[in-house]
Every structure is written in C-alpha cells, then in structure tokens.
C-alpha cells in the first residue's frame, strides 16, 4: 500500500486524476476511509460543530485538535493526514510555529490555515522549516463573525481579484495546497488553472483538483441547514464503507459535484 504524499498529489493534478478528501475525527472512521481509497483525511475543526454541538468552529482548542489528529493518524496507513489549526492558534508566526509542532508530532502530514495574503509570512516560515501548509481561502469559517455569516465569497470583480491574488501570494510563499470554500465555480476554475499546487474545493464547482466533504454531511447526518454543496451518499450505499466508496467513485468519475452543488 503506497503512501499518499505531496508528490503523489502533484502528479495526480498533472495527470488530471481527481483527488478525494473527507473529514474524520477518530481512528475507526479514518481506517474505513483509508481502505475506501480516500487520498486526504482532514481532521477538521468542524469537529466543534459535528461532534461538540457548537454553532461555529471557534471554540475548538489546539489540545482538542492534537487529540483527534493523533487518533486519526493511528487509523491511517495510506492516506495523507491534514489537520486544521484552530481559531487564534496562528495569529503570529511564533504562535503558529509552536502549535504546528504539536500537530505535526501528533501525526499530521500537512496543516490547514485559514486566511489571505496576511498569512504569507507564516506560510513561508512553516514551509521553510519542513511543515507543509494548505491555505484555506474563500469562506473561512473561523472568520464567520467578520464575514457576517456563512456566505459565498468572491462574487464581485474586486473580491474575485483579491482571491486570485491571495492564492498566488500564498503559493509563492510556499503553500503546498490550496482549499477554496464557497466561491463561484468560474473563479475556482481560474484559481485552479493558475495554481501549480493541488486545489481542493468545497462548494467551488467541479474544476478543482480535489473535493472535500464533512463526513457527517456525506452520511446524511445533518441536524439542521443542509448546504447546497452537500450530497448524501448513504442513499446509494448499503453501509458506511459503501458510502465512502461511492463518494470516491463519484469524484473520480466526475459525477460529483454537479452544477447543482456549485455557485455562480
């Protein structure tokens, strides 16, 4: 079983093979996703909402992320483990360095940070010290209070230009991947074409190199509002492993996401 690395993902982007990503928060689900062929398992700070019952990701702590990252890493043999750095854990480069060390030692292979061009110094510092970074752009849930809610980003010419520029700046600073959340499909396509690194999308159309969903959404375990970009894969599977396999197949074959899951 060959380990998924950044080199693997870069080769997949170059060849046009779609990359799959799902969230997991424990060893059991990580193992099942790994066996289903998921390339990237994201230990998301979304655990604050789907596991803890909070109305945002902001209450999640570094200690909680370390705990869940360690659990996921134990259940994973092939997939890359990506961990979120939680709210205010990377407000300064020095703070980011300290907390990044904890998450990497817990078993993460790459860390995801939310933000735009202001993150460049931190991304460069982490990258120079051997810590791969995925830069999360668009709808950044940790900034939900500033954004005024969970709203699509990049719909005006000015904001679209800013996202394009931010993506280029963060890649130049050393970001190994980009993640676009809730941006118009055409903008996501432009950023993906511009980028030399793999681009993950959620609510960003089908043109990105990779797709990610929160595991609970994929399994139809929504307890409230269901975002437009979500699809319940349990409806076409007999069990949870089958749902994960159906998701992987749908992304690989270009059947998910469809136009109904994106924004213009």
C-alpha atoms as a PDB file:
ATOM      1  CA  UNK A   1       0.000   0.000   0.000  1.00  0.00           C
ATOM      2  CA  UNK A   2       1.814   3.111  -1.275  1.00  0.00           C
ATOM      3  CA  UNK A   3       1.646   6.179   0.967  1.00  0.00           C
ATOM      4  CA  UNK A   4      -0.003   9.322  -0.445  1.00  0.00           C
ATOM      5  CA  UNK A   5       2.489  12.192  -0.416  1.00  0.00           C
ATOM      6  CA  UNK A   6       2.607  15.717  -1.781  1.00  0.00           C
ATOM      7  CA  UNK A   7       4.478  14.295  -4.777  1.00  0.00           C
ATOM      8  CA  UNK A   8       1.603  11.843  -5.335  1.00  0.00           C
ATOM      9  CA  UNK A   9      -0.941  14.657  -5.290  1.00  0.00           C
ATOM     10  CA  UNK A  10       1.106  16.881  -7.602  1.00  0.00           C
ATOM     11  CA  UNK A  11       1.340  14.005 -10.097  1.00  0.00           C
ATOM     12  CA  UNK A  12      -2.432  13.470  -9.854  1.00  0.00           C
ATOM     13  CA  UNK A  13      -3.062  17.150 -10.607  1.00  0.00           C
ATOM     14  CA  UNK A  14      -0.722  16.991 -13.593  1.00  0.00           C
ATOM     15  CA  UNK A  15      -2.437  13.886 -14.979  1.00  0.00           C
ATOM     16  CA  UNK A  16      -5.953  15.192 -14.357  1.00  0.00           C
ATOM     17  CA  UNK A  17      -6.868  12.484 -11.838  1.00  0.00           C
ATOM     18  CA  UNK A  18      -9.251  13.826  -9.226  1.00  0.00           C
ATOM     19  CA  UNK A  19      -8.163  13.754  -5.571  1.00  0.00           C
ATOM     20  CA  UNK A  20     -10.607  12.818  -2.806  1.00  0.00           C
ATOM     21  CA  UNK A  21     -10.702  14.271   0.683  1.00  0.00           C
ATOM     22  CA  UNK A  22     -13.011  13.649   3.656  1.00  0.00           C
ATOM     23  CA  UNK A  23     -13.059  14.676   7.293  1.00  0.00           C
ATOM     24  CA  UNK A  24     -12.567  12.143  10.071  1.00  0.00           C
ATOM     25  CA  UNK A  25     -12.066  12.580  13.785  1.00  0.00           C
ATOM     26  CA  UNK A  26     -11.177   9.114  15.100  1.00  0.00           C
ATOM     27  CA  UNK A  27      -9.194   6.003  14.207  1.00  0.00           C
ATOM     28  CA  UNK A  28     -12.230   3.891  13.252  1.00  0.00           C
ATOM     29  CA  UNK A  29     -13.630   6.175  10.556  1.00  0.00           C
ATOM     30  CA  UNK A  30     -10.124   7.084   9.375  1.00  0.00           C
ATOM     31  CA  UNK A  31      -9.378   3.398   8.780  1.00  0.00           C
ATOM     32  CA  UNK A  32     -12.604   2.871   6.816  1.00  0.00           C
ATOM     33  CA  UNK A  33     -11.950   5.957   4.657  1.00  0.00           C
ATOM     34  CA  UNK A  34      -8.355   4.891   4.109  1.00  0.00           C
ATOM     35  CA  UNK A  35      -9.491   1.475   2.898  1.00  0.00           C
ATOM     36  CA  UNK A  36     -12.116   3.113   0.645  1.00  0.00           C
ATOM     37  CA  UNK A  37      -9.373   4.938  -1.262  1.00  0.00           C
ATOM     38  CA  UNK A  38      -9.643   8.481   0.131  1.00  0.00           C
ATOM     39  CA  UNK A  39      -6.334  10.265  -0.546  1.00  0.00           C
ATOM     40  CA  UNK A  40      -6.553  13.012   2.101  1.00  0.00           C
ATOM     41  CA  UNK A  41      -8.195  12.660   5.511  1.00  0.00           C
ATOM     42  CA  UNK A  42      -8.872  16.053   7.079  1.00  0.00           C
ATOM     43  CA  UNK A  43      -9.026  16.337  10.851  1.00  0.00           C
ATOM     44  CA  UNK A  44     -11.239  19.392  10.647  1.00  0.00           C
ATOM     45  CA  UNK A  45     -12.049  21.923  13.314  1.00  0.00           C
ATOM     46  CA  UNK A  46     -15.555  21.185  12.031  1.00  0.00           C
ATOM     47  CA  UNK A  47     -15.499  18.754  14.963  1.00  0.00           C
ATOM     48  CA  UNK A  48     -16.562  21.744  17.034  1.00  0.00           C
ATOM     49  CA  UNK A  49     -19.911  21.644  15.261  1.00  0.00           C
ATOM     50  CA  UNK A  50     -20.492  17.989  14.309  1.00  0.00           C
ATOM     51  CA  UNK A  51     -19.031  16.406  17.460  1.00  0.00           C
ATOM     52  CA  UNK A  52     -19.301  19.075  20.129  1.00  0.00           C
ATOM     53  CA  UNK A  53     -22.566  20.722  19.070  1.00  0.00           C
ATOM     54  CA  UNK A  54     -21.245  24.281  18.847  1.00  0.00           C
ATOM     55  CA  UNK A  55     -22.673  26.716  16.295  1.00  0.00           C
ATOM     56  CA  UNK A  56     -19.217  27.522  14.898  1.00  0.00           C
ATOM     57  CA  UNK A  57     -15.671  26.177  14.867  1.00  0.00           C
ATOM     58  CA  UNK A  58     -14.316  28.937  17.109  1.00  0.00           C
ATOM     59  CA  UNK A  59     -14.414  27.082  20.478  1.00  0.00           C
ATOM     60  CA  UNK A  60     -12.101  24.285  19.278  1.00  0.00           C
ATOM     61  CA  UNK A  61      -8.724  24.249  21.048  1.00  0.00           C
ATOM     62  CA  UNK A  62      -5.251  23.158  19.979  1.00  0.00           C
ATOM     63  CA  UNK A  63      -5.358  20.402  22.603  1.00  0.00           C
ATOM     64  CA  UNK A  64      -8.566  19.010  21.088  1.00  0.00           C
ATOM     65  CA  UNK A  65      -7.092  19.102  17.593  1.00  0.00           C
ATOM     66  CA  UNK A  66      -3.972  17.287  18.815  1.00  0.00           C
ATOM     67  CA  UNK A  67      -6.112  14.580  20.442  1.00  0.00           C
ATOM     68  CA  UNK A  68      -8.205  13.937  17.318  1.00  0.00           C
ATOM     69  CA  UNK A  69      -5.210  14.171  14.967  1.00  0.00           C
ATOM     70  CA  UNK A  70      -3.395  11.530  16.986  1.00  0.00           C
ATOM     71  CA  UNK A  71      -6.461   9.255  16.816  1.00  0.00           C
ATOM     72  CA  UNK A  72      -6.872   9.674  13.040  1.00  0.00           C
ATOM     73  CA  UNK A  73      -3.161   9.105  12.416  1.00  0.00           C
ATOM     74  CA  UNK A  74      -3.348   5.789  14.268  1.00  0.00           C
ATOM     75  CA  UNK A  75      -6.143   4.612  11.959  1.00  0.00           C
ATOM     76  CA  UNK A  76      -4.456   5.666   8.711  1.00  0.00           C
ATOM     77  CA  UNK A  77      -1.900   3.744   6.671  1.00  0.00           C
ATOM     78  CA  UNK A  78      -2.134   5.129   3.123  1.00  0.00           C
ATOM     79  CA  UNK A  79      -3.922   8.496   3.157  1.00  0.00           C
ATOM     80  CA  UNK A  80      -2.348  11.861   3.896  1.00  0.00           C
ATOM     81  CA  UNK A  81      -3.500  13.307   7.230  1.00  0.00           C
ATOM     82  CA  UNK A  82      -4.307  17.020   7.136  1.00  0.00           C
ATOM     83  CA  UNK A  83      -5.071  18.863  10.379  1.00  0.00           C
ATOM     84  CA  UNK A  84      -6.739  22.221  10.885  1.00  0.00           C
ATOM     85  CA  UNK A  85      -5.011  24.800  13.012  1.00  0.00           C
ATOM     86  CA  UNK A  86      -7.883  26.145  15.134  1.00  0.00           C
ATOM     87  CA  UNK A  87      -9.009  29.727  15.703  1.00  0.00           C
ATOM     88  CA  UNK A  88      -6.291  32.092  17.008  1.00  0.00           C
ATOM     89  CA  UNK A  89      -3.657  29.329  17.125  1.00  0.00           C
ATOM     90  CA  UNK A  90      -1.592  31.033  14.382  1.00  0.00           C
ATOM     91  CA  UNK A  91      -2.238  34.740  14.953  1.00  0.00           C
ATOM     92  CA  UNK A  92       1.529  35.333  14.889  1.00  0.00           C
ATOM     93  CA  UNK A  93       4.285  33.352  13.160  1.00  0.00           C
ATOM     94  CA  UNK A  94       5.803  32.423  16.534  1.00  0.00           C
ATOM     95  CA  UNK A  95       2.475  31.126  17.821  1.00  0.00           C
ATOM     96  CA  UNK A  96       1.965  29.202  14.587  1.00  0.00           C
ATOM     97  CA  UNK A  97       5.379  27.558  14.899  1.00  0.00           C
ATOM     98  CA  UNK A  98       4.708  26.312  18.423  1.00  0.00           C
ATOM     99  CA  UNK A  99       1.238  24.937  17.680  1.00  0.00           C
ATOM    100  CA  UNK A 100       2.272  23.496  14.322  1.00  0.00           C
ATOM    101  CA  UNK A 101       4.914  21.450  16.104  1.00  0.00           C
ATOM    102  CA  UNK A 102       2.275  19.922  18.384  1.00  0.00           C
ATOM    103  CA  UNK A 103       0.025  18.935  15.483  1.00  0.00           C
ATOM    104  CA  UNK A 104       2.832  17.526  13.353  1.00  0.00           C
ATOM    105  CA  UNK A 105       4.106  15.493  16.300  1.00  0.00           C
ATOM    106  CA  UNK A 106       0.562  14.160  16.759  1.00  0.00           C
ATOM    107  CA  UNK A 107       0.725  12.641  13.268  1.00  0.00           C
ATOM    108  CA  UNK A 108      -0.366  15.329  10.784  1.00  0.00           C
ATOM    109  CA  UNK A 109       1.371  15.408   7.401  1.00  0.00           C
ATOM    110  CA  UNK A 110       0.122  18.878   6.421  1.00  0.00           C
ATOM    111  CA  UNK A 111      -1.627  21.711   8.265  1.00  0.00           C
ATOM    112  CA  UNK A 112      -4.530  23.839   7.036  1.00  0.00           C
ATOM    113  CA  UNK A 113      -4.675  27.538   7.881  1.00  0.00           C
ATOM    114  CA  UNK A 114      -7.457  29.991   7.011  1.00  0.00           C
ATOM    115  CA  UNK A 115      -6.642  33.426   5.651  1.00  0.00           C
ATOM    116  CA  UNK A 116      -5.392  35.544   2.785  1.00  0.00           C
ATOM    117  CA  UNK A 117      -2.215  37.408   1.942  1.00  0.00           C
ATOM    118  CA  UNK A 118      -1.606  38.292   5.597  1.00  0.00           C
ATOM    119  CA  UNK A 119      -0.690  34.611   6.136  1.00  0.00           C
ATOM    120  CA  UNK A 120       2.259  34.737   3.727  1.00  0.00           C
ATOM    121  CA  UNK A 121       4.946  35.288   6.374  1.00  0.00           C
ATOM    122  CA  UNK A 122       3.602  32.411   8.482  1.00  0.00           C
ATOM    123  CA  UNK A 123       3.290  30.096   5.479  1.00  0.00           C
ATOM    124  CA  UNK A 124       6.842  30.887   4.426  1.00  0.00           C
ATOM    125  CA  UNK A 125       8.203  30.304   7.922  1.00  0.00           C
ATOM    126  CA  UNK A 126       6.404  26.978   8.337  1.00  0.00           C
ATOM    127  CA  UNK A 127       7.310  25.778   4.851  1.00  0.00           C
ATOM    128  CA  UNK A 128      10.974  26.695   5.293  1.00  0.00           C
ATOM    129  CA  UNK A 129      11.012  24.564   8.451  1.00  0.00           C
ATOM    130  CA  UNK A 130       9.523  21.479   6.844  1.00  0.00           C
ATOM    131  CA  UNK A 131       5.851  21.984   7.697  1.00  0.00           C
ATOM    132  CA  UNK A 132       3.611  21.690   4.604  1.00  0.00           C
ATOM    133  CA  UNK A 133       0.695  24.123   4.525  1.00  0.00           C
ATOM    134  CA  UNK A 134      -2.724  24.100   2.852  1.00  0.00           C
ATOM    135  CA  UNK A 135      -4.044  27.664   2.591  1.00  0.00           C
ATOM    136  CA  UNK A 136      -7.837  27.907   3.015  1.00  0.00           C
ATOM    137  CA  UNK A 137      -9.453  30.760   1.036  1.00  0.00           C
ATOM    138  CA  UNK A 138     -12.985  31.935   0.295  1.00  0.00           C
ATOM    139  CA  UNK A 139     -15.480  31.256   3.029  1.00  0.00           C
ATOM    140  CA  UNK A 140     -13.222  30.861   6.049  1.00  0.00           C
ATOM    141  CA  UNK A 141     -15.394  29.581   8.936  1.00  0.00           C
ATOM    142  CA  UNK A 142     -13.075  30.922  11.627  1.00  0.00           C
ATOM    143  CA  UNK A 143     -13.866  34.443  10.326  1.00  0.00           C
ATOM    144  CA  UNK A 144     -17.631  33.833  10.286  1.00  0.00           C
ATOM    145  CA  UNK A 145     -18.330  36.788  12.567  1.00  0.00           C
ATOM    146  CA  UNK A 146     -16.415  39.191  10.345  1.00  0.00           C
ATOM    147  CA  UNK A 147     -17.945  37.758   7.165  1.00  0.00           C
ATOM    148  CA  UNK A 148     -21.453  38.189   8.558  1.00  0.00           C
ATOM    149  CA  UNK A 149     -22.338  34.508   8.372  1.00  0.00           C
ATOM    150  CA  UNK A 150     -21.636  31.569   6.095  1.00  0.00           C
ATOM    151  CA  UNK A 151     -21.744  33.476   2.794  1.00  0.00           C
ATOM    152  CA  UNK A 152     -20.388  32.815  -0.708  1.00  0.00           C
ATOM    153  CA  UNK A 153     -17.190  34.800  -1.305  1.00  0.00           C
ATOM    154  CA  UNK A 154     -15.678  36.280  -4.483  1.00  0.00           C
ATOM    155  CA  UNK A 155     -18.866  37.278  -6.274  1.00  0.00           C
ATOM    156  CA  UNK A 156     -17.795  40.846  -7.070  1.00  0.00           C
ATOM    157  CA  UNK A 157     -14.969  41.629  -9.515  1.00  0.00           C
ATOM    158  CA  UNK A 158     -12.974  43.206  -6.683  1.00  0.00           C
ATOM    159  CA  UNK A 159     -13.310  40.286  -4.275  1.00  0.00           C
ATOM    160  CA  UNK A 160     -12.628  37.777  -7.052  1.00  0.00           C
ATOM    161  CA  UNK A 161      -9.419  39.613  -7.958  1.00  0.00           C
ATOM    162  CA  UNK A 162      -8.393  39.635  -4.307  1.00  0.00           C
ATOM    163  CA  UNK A 163      -8.886  35.853  -4.025  1.00  0.00           C
ATOM    164  CA  UNK A 164      -6.865  35.253  -7.196  1.00  0.00           C
ATOM    165  CA  UNK A 165      -4.084  37.453  -5.856  1.00  0.00           C
ATOM    166  CA  UNK A 166      -4.169  35.875  -2.392  1.00  0.00           C
ATOM    167  CA  UNK A 167      -3.909  32.391  -3.907  1.00  0.00           C
ATOM    168  CA  UNK A 168      -0.851  33.415  -5.938  1.00  0.00           C
ATOM    169  CA  UNK A 169       0.795  35.122  -2.951  1.00  0.00           C
ATOM    170  CA  UNK A 170       0.303  32.135  -0.652  1.00  0.00           C
ATOM    171  CA  UNK A 171       1.549  29.673  -3.263  1.00  0.00           C
ATOM    172  CA  UNK A 172       4.628  31.823  -3.805  1.00  0.00           C
ATOM    173  CA  UNK A 173       5.153  31.866  -0.019  1.00  0.00           C
ATOM    174  CA  UNK A 174       5.323  28.076  -0.040  1.00  0.00           C
ATOM    175  CA  UNK A 175       1.776  26.741   0.345  1.00  0.00           C
ATOM    176  CA  UNK A 176       1.725  23.125  -0.817  1.00  0.00           C
ATOM    177  CA  UNK A 177      -2.039  23.106  -1.413  1.00  0.00           C
ATOM    178  CA  UNK A 178      -4.971  25.485  -1.579  1.00  0.00           C
ATOM    179  CA  UNK A 179      -8.548  24.943  -0.404  1.00  0.00           C
ATOM    180  CA  UNK A 180     -11.434  27.011  -1.786  1.00  0.00           C
ATOM    181  CA  UNK A 181     -14.738  27.072   0.079  1.00  0.00           C
ATOM    182  CA  UNK A 182     -17.981  28.541  -1.262  1.00  0.00           C
ATOM    183  CA  UNK A 183     -16.673  30.559  -4.188  1.00  0.00           C
ATOM    184  CA  UNK A 184     -18.185  30.827  -7.685  1.00  0.00           C
ATOM    185  CA  UNK A 185     -17.310  27.848  -9.869  1.00  0.00           C
ATOM    186  CA  UNK A 186     -15.755  30.050 -12.567  1.00  0.00           C
ATOM    187  CA  UNK A 187     -13.455  31.725 -10.033  1.00  0.00           C
ATOM    188  CA  UNK A 188     -12.430  28.363  -8.569  1.00  0.00           C
ATOM    189  CA  UNK A 189     -11.623  27.154 -12.091  1.00  0.00           C
ATOM    190  CA  UNK A 190      -9.433  30.213 -12.706  1.00  0.00           C
ATOM    191  CA  UNK A 191      -7.536  29.744  -9.434  1.00  0.00           C
ATOM    192  CA  UNK A 192      -7.068  26.027 -10.136  1.00  0.00           C
ATOM    193  CA  UNK A 193      -5.689  26.764 -13.599  1.00  0.00           C
ATOM    194  CA  UNK A 194      -3.384  29.444 -12.195  1.00  0.00           C
ATOM    195  CA  UNK A 195      -2.050  27.288  -9.356  1.00  0.00           C
ATOM    196  CA  UNK A 196       0.823  24.840  -9.735  1.00  0.00           C
ATOM    197  CA  UNK A 197      -0.198  23.113  -6.482  1.00  0.00           C
ATOM    198  CA  UNK A 198      -3.320  20.941  -5.967  1.00  0.00           C
ATOM    199  CA  UNK A 199      -6.522  22.858  -5.235  1.00  0.00           C
ATOM    200  CA  UNK A 200      -9.253  21.342  -3.047  1.00  0.00           C
ATOM    201  CA  UNK A 201     -12.834  22.566  -3.400  1.00  0.00           C
ATOM    202  CA  UNK A 202     -15.986  22.516  -1.306  1.00  0.00           C
ATOM    203  CA  UNK A 203     -18.862  24.432  -2.820  1.00  0.00           C
ATOM    204  CA  UNK A 204     -16.408  25.542  -5.504  1.00  0.00           C
ATOM    205  CA  UNK A 205     -17.562  23.597  -8.544  1.00  0.00           C
ATOM    206  CA  UNK A 206     -16.120  20.639 -10.387  1.00  0.00           C
ATOM    207  CA  UNK A 207     -12.983  22.198 -11.886  1.00  0.00           C
ATOM    208  CA  UNK A 208     -10.830  21.989  -8.749  1.00  0.00           C
ATOM    209  CA  UNK A 209      -8.285  19.189  -8.493  1.00  0.00           C
ATOM    210  CA  UNK A 210      -9.913  17.721  -5.402  1.00  0.00           C
ATOM    211  CA  UNK A 211     -13.193  17.667  -3.488  1.00  0.00           C
ATOM    212  CA  UNK A 212     -13.784  17.562   0.257  1.00  0.00           C
ATOM    213  CA  UNK A 213     -16.905  16.998   2.331  1.00  0.00           C
ATOM    214  CA  UNK A 214     -17.573  16.802   6.041  1.00  0.00           C
ATOM    215  CA  UNK A 215     -18.091  13.116   6.761  1.00  0.00           C
ATOM    216  CA  UNK A 216     -21.333  13.681   8.656  1.00  0.00           C
ATOM    217  CA  UNK A 217     -22.800  15.529   5.663  1.00  0.00           C
ATOM    218  CA  UNK A 218     -21.834  12.698   3.303  1.00  0.00           C
ATOM    219  CA  UNK A 219     -23.592  10.238   5.626  1.00  0.00           C
ATOM    220  CA  UNK A 220     -26.792  12.300   5.766  1.00  0.00           C
ATOM    221  CA  UNK A 221     -26.368  13.156   9.446  1.00  0.00           C
ATOM    222  CA  UNK A 222     -27.282  16.826   9.113  1.00  0.00           C
ATOM    223  CA  UNK A 223     -29.221  18.130  12.086  1.00  0.00           C
ATOM    224  CA  UNK A 224     -30.202  21.466  10.566  1.00  0.00           C
ATOM    225  CA  UNK A 225     -29.482  23.508   7.434  1.00  0.00           C
ATOM    226  CA  UNK A 226     -28.060  21.421   4.571  1.00  0.00           C
ATOM    227  CA  UNK A 227     -25.582  23.419   2.450  1.00  0.00           C
ATOM    228  CA  UNK A 228     -26.053  23.413  -1.296  1.00  0.00           C
ATOM    229  CA  UNK A 229     -22.745  21.649  -1.910  1.00  0.00           C
ATOM    230  CA  UNK A 230     -23.665  18.614   0.216  1.00  0.00           C
ATOM    231  CA  UNK A 231     -24.741  15.231  -1.132  1.00  0.00           C
ATOM    232  CA  UNK A 232     -25.945  12.293   0.963  1.00  0.00           C
ATOM    233  CA  UNK A 233     -24.080   9.248  -0.368  1.00  0.00           C
ATOM    234  CA  UNK A 234     -25.842   6.864   2.010  1.00  0.00           C
ATOM    235  CA  UNK A 235     -28.808   6.890  -0.374  1.00  0.00           C
ATOM    236  CA  UNK A 236     -26.786   4.870  -2.886  1.00  0.00           C
ATOM    237  CA  UNK A 237     -24.934   2.571  -0.490  1.00  0.00           C
ATOM    238  CA  UNK A 238     -25.768  -0.346   1.782  1.00  0.00           C
ATOM    239  CA  UNK A 239     -23.421   0.708   4.562  1.00  0.00           C
ATOM    240  CA  UNK A 240     -20.934   3.395   5.621  1.00  0.00           C
ATOM    241  CA  UNK A 241     -17.904   1.874   3.842  1.00  0.00           C
ATOM    242  CA  UNK A 242     -20.066   1.685   0.710  1.00  0.00           C
ATOM    243  CA  UNK A 243     -20.943   5.375   1.050  1.00  0.00           C
ATOM    244  CA  UNK A 244     -17.268   6.294   1.231  1.00  0.00           C
ATOM    245  CA  UNK A 245     -16.520   4.166  -1.835  1.00  0.00           C
ATOM    246  CA  UNK A 246     -19.459   5.752  -3.699  1.00  0.00           C
ATOM    247  CA  UNK A 247     -18.092   9.212  -2.914  1.00  0.00           C
ATOM    248  CA  UNK A 248     -14.613   8.299  -4.138  1.00  0.00           C
ATOM    249  CA  UNK A 249     -16.021   6.850  -7.365  1.00  0.00           C
ATOM    250  CA  UNK A 250     -18.300   9.840  -7.979  1.00  0.00           C
ATOM    251  CA  UNK A 251     -15.433  12.323  -7.590  1.00  0.00           C
ATOM    252  CA  UNK A 252     -13.009  10.253  -9.663  1.00  0.00           C
ATOM    253  CA  UNK A 253     -15.560   9.813 -12.463  1.00  0.00           C
ATOM    254  CA  UNK A 254     -16.608  13.484 -12.480  1.00  0.00           C
ATOM    255  CA  UNK A 255     -20.171  12.824 -11.320  1.00  0.00           C
ATOM    256  CA  UNK A 256     -19.730  14.865  -8.132  1.00  0.00           C
ATOM    257  CA  UNK A 257     -20.039  17.719  -7.750  1.00  0.00           C
ATOM    258  CA  UNK A 258     -22.605  18.603 -10.389  1.00  0.00           C
ATOM    259  CA  UNK A 259     -23.776  22.104 -11.290  1.00  0.00           C
ATOM    260  CA  UNK A 260     -26.454  21.988  -8.582  1.00  0.00           C
ATOM    261  CA  UNK A 261     -23.740  21.777  -5.920  1.00  0.00           C
ATOM    262  CA  UNK A 262     -21.912  24.937  -7.037  1.00  0.00           C
ATOM    263  CA  UNK A 263     -22.367  28.696  -7.040  1.00  0.00           C
ATOM    264  CA  UNK A 264     -22.250  31.334  -9.779  1.00  0.00           C
END
